[in-house]
Amino acid sequence: VHALTVLYCQTAVTDPLKVAQSIVDAVRDPGIRKPITVAMIGGVESYEAMKYLTKNKIPAYPTPERAAAAMASIYRYVRLQHYVAKRLEVSKI
C-alpha cells in the first residue's frame, strides 16, 4: 500500500469526531509515512470532524471524488518532482 484514502459515511452508531481522532492517532504513528486523504459524508458532526482533521494537517473533503482528486494531485506532484530531478541530473553530465 503506497497511499490511503479513507471514506467515512456518518451513521447513528459512530461518532465522526472519534473516527477523526483515530485517523489522527494512526497517522501520528512514527512507522507510517504514507500520503492520506479523507472523505467524510454526513451532517454537522462530520463537518466538525473534517475541521479537526484539517487542523491536524490531514486533508479532509466532503465527497469521495474530491478526496480521490486530491490524492491524484499528490501523485502528479511527486511524479513531476522525480521527472525534474532526473532532467537536472542528465543536464549536469
C-alpha atoms as a PDB file:
ATOM      1  CA  VAL A   1       0.000   0.000   0.000  1.00  0.00           C
ATOM      2  CA  HIS A   2       1.519   3.294  -1.111  1.00  0.00           C
ATOM      3  CA  ALA A   3      -1.273   5.690  -0.113  1.00  0.00           C
ATOM      4  CA  LEU A   4      -4.560   5.753   1.733  1.00  0.00           C
ATOM      5  CA  THR A   5      -7.921   7.381   1.041  1.00  0.00           C
ATOM      6  CA  VAL A   6     -10.324   6.961   3.949  1.00  0.00           C
ATOM      7  CA  LEU A   7     -14.046   7.081   3.162  1.00  0.00           C
ATOM      8  CA  TYR A   8     -16.460   7.596   6.047  1.00  0.00           C
ATOM      9  CA  CYS A   9     -20.243   7.872   5.902  1.00  0.00           C
ATOM     10  CA  GLN A  10     -21.893   9.031   9.103  1.00  0.00           C
ATOM     11  CA  THR A  11     -24.272   6.620  10.801  1.00  0.00           C
ATOM     12  CA  ALA A  12     -26.249   6.680  14.037  1.00  0.00           C
ATOM     13  CA  VAL A  13     -23.803   4.309  15.754  1.00  0.00           C
ATOM     14  CA  THR A  14     -20.479   6.052  15.062  1.00  0.00           C
ATOM     15  CA  ASP A  15     -19.186   9.421  16.196  1.00  0.00           C
ATOM     16  CA  PRO A  16     -17.395  11.235  13.345  1.00  0.00           C
ATOM     17  CA  LEU A  17     -15.073  13.076  15.753  1.00  0.00           C
ATOM     18  CA  LYS A  18     -13.944   9.791  17.328  1.00  0.00           C
ATOM     19  CA  VAL A  19     -13.290   8.412  13.856  1.00  0.00           C
ATOM     20  CA  ALA A  20     -11.262  11.537  13.033  1.00  0.00           C
ATOM     21  CA  GLN A  21      -9.303  11.226  16.279  1.00  0.00           C
ATOM     22  CA  SER A  22      -8.490   7.601  15.439  1.00  0.00           C
ATOM     23  CA  ILE A  23      -7.260   8.657  11.993  1.00  0.00           C
ATOM     24  CA  VAL A  24      -5.013  11.327  13.535  1.00  0.00           C
ATOM     25  CA  ASP A  25      -3.650   8.804  16.063  1.00  0.00           C
ATOM     26  CA  ALA A  26      -2.892   6.311  13.293  1.00  0.00           C
ATOM     27  CA  VAL A  27      -1.151   8.935  11.147  1.00  0.00           C
ATOM     28  CA  ARG A  28       0.990  10.038  14.093  1.00  0.00           C
ATOM     29  CA  ASP A  29       2.409   6.515  14.370  1.00  0.00           C
ATOM     30  CA  PRO A  30       6.102   7.039  13.523  1.00  0.00           C
ATOM     31  CA  GLY A  31       6.203   3.884  11.398  1.00  0.00           C
ATOM     32  CA  ILE A  32       3.578   5.178   8.964  1.00  0.00           C
ATOM     33  CA  ARG A  33       4.721   7.580   6.239  1.00  0.00           C
ATOM     34  CA  LYS A  34       2.005   7.361   3.599  1.00  0.00           C
ATOM     35  CA  PRO A  35       0.015  10.101   1.904  1.00  0.00           C
ATOM     36  CA  ILE A  36      -3.567  10.166   3.149  1.00  0.00           C
ATOM     37  CA  THR A  37      -6.802  11.908   2.201  1.00  0.00           C
ATOM     38  CA  VAL A  38     -10.150  11.584   3.942  1.00  0.00           C
ATOM     39  CA  ALA A  39     -13.760  11.934   2.764  1.00  0.00           C
ATOM     40  CA  MET A  40     -16.402  12.367   5.457  1.00  0.00           C
ATOM     41  CA  ILE A  41     -20.017  12.263   4.327  1.00  0.00           C
ATOM     42  CA  GLY A  42     -22.636  13.355   6.807  1.00  0.00           C
ATOM     43  CA  GLY A  43     -24.042  16.267   8.727  1.00  0.00           C
ATOM     44  CA  VAL A  44     -22.687  18.917  11.041  1.00  0.00           C
ATOM     45  CA  GLU A  45     -20.762  16.364  13.120  1.00  0.00           C
ATOM     46  CA  SER A  46     -18.887  15.177  10.030  1.00  0.00           C
ATOM     47  CA  TYR A  47     -18.087  18.774   9.141  1.00  0.00           C
ATOM     48  CA  GLU A  48     -16.639  19.328  12.635  1.00  0.00           C
ATOM     49  CA  ALA A  49     -14.605  16.135  12.267  1.00  0.00           C
ATOM     50  CA  MET A  50     -13.236  17.400   8.916  1.00  0.00           C
ATOM     51  CA  LYS A  51     -12.212  20.653  10.614  1.00  0.00           C
ATOM     52  CA  TYR A  52     -10.411  18.604  13.288  1.00  0.00           C
ATOM     53  CA  LEU A  53      -8.561  16.604  10.633  1.00  0.00           C
ATOM     54  CA  THR A  54      -7.598  19.746   8.743  1.00  0.00           C
ATOM     55  CA  LYS A  55      -6.245  21.339  11.941  1.00  0.00           C
ATOM     56  CA  ASN A  56      -4.090  18.230  12.295  1.00  0.00           C
ATOM     57  CA  LYS A  57      -2.758  18.606   8.741  1.00  0.00           C
ATOM     58  CA  ILE A  58      -4.782  15.779   7.250  1.00  0.00           C
ATOM     59  CA  PRO A  59      -6.660  16.785   4.095  1.00  0.00           C
ATOM     60  CA  ALA A  60     -10.377  16.118   4.528  1.00  0.00           C
ATOM     61  CA  TYR A  61     -13.167  16.579   1.972  1.00  0.00           C
ATOM     62  CA  PRO A  62     -16.967  16.324   1.940  1.00  0.00           C
ATOM     63  CA  THR A  63     -17.071  13.903  -1.019  1.00  0.00           C
ATOM     64  CA  PRO A  64     -15.094  10.814  -2.070  1.00  0.00           C
ATOM     65  CA  GLU A  65     -14.481  12.358  -5.506  1.00  0.00           C
ATOM     66  CA  ARG A  66     -12.681  15.340  -4.011  1.00  0.00           C
ATOM     67  CA  ALA A  67     -10.567  13.126  -1.746  1.00  0.00           C
ATOM     68  CA  ALA A  68      -9.603  10.942  -4.720  1.00  0.00           C
ATOM     69  CA  ALA A  69      -8.815  14.009  -6.853  1.00  0.00           C
ATOM     70  CA  ALA A  70      -6.580  15.338  -4.071  1.00  0.00           C
ATOM     71  CA  MET A  71      -4.720  12.026  -3.931  1.00  0.00           C
ATOM     72  CA  ALA A  72      -4.296  12.090  -7.710  1.00  0.00           C
ATOM     73  CA  SER A  73      -2.827  15.589  -7.415  1.00  0.00           C
ATOM     74  CA  ILE A  74      -0.345  14.379  -4.808  1.00  0.00           C
ATOM     75  CA  TYR A  75       0.781  11.605  -7.152  1.00  0.00           C
ATOM     76  CA  ARG A  76       1.117  14.006 -10.113  1.00  0.00           C
ATOM     77  CA  TYR A  77       3.197  16.367  -7.988  1.00  0.00           C
ATOM     78  CA  VAL A  78       5.564  13.611  -6.849  1.00  0.00           C
ATOM     79  CA  ARG A  79       5.882  12.255 -10.391  1.00  0.00           C
ATOM     80  CA  LEU A  80       6.777  15.735 -11.688  1.00  0.00           C
ATOM     81  CA  GLN A  81       9.330  16.175  -8.906  1.00  0.00           C
ATOM     82  CA  HIS A  82      11.044  12.946  -9.985  1.00  0.00           C
ATOM     83  CA  TYR A  83      10.923  13.990 -13.634  1.00  0.00           C
ATOM     84  CA  VAL A  84      12.544  17.356 -12.915  1.00  0.00           C
ATOM     85  CA  ALA A  85      15.195  15.785 -10.678  1.00  0.00           C
ATOM     86  CA  LYS A  86      16.046  13.260 -13.399  1.00  0.00           C
ATOM     87  CA  ARG A  87      16.254  16.009 -16.053  1.00  0.00           C
ATOM     88  CA  LEU A  88      18.576  18.049 -13.838  1.00  0.00           C
ATOM     89  CA  GLU A  89      20.859  15.039 -13.363  1.00  0.00           C
ATOM     90  CA  VAL A  90      21.042  14.490 -17.133  1.00  0.00           C
ATOM     91  CA  SER A  91      21.813  18.158 -17.814  1.00  0.00           C
ATOM     92  CA  LYS A  92      24.799  18.071 -15.419  1.00  0.00           C
ATOM     93  CA  ILE A  93      26.532  15.401 -17.496  1.00  0.00           C
END
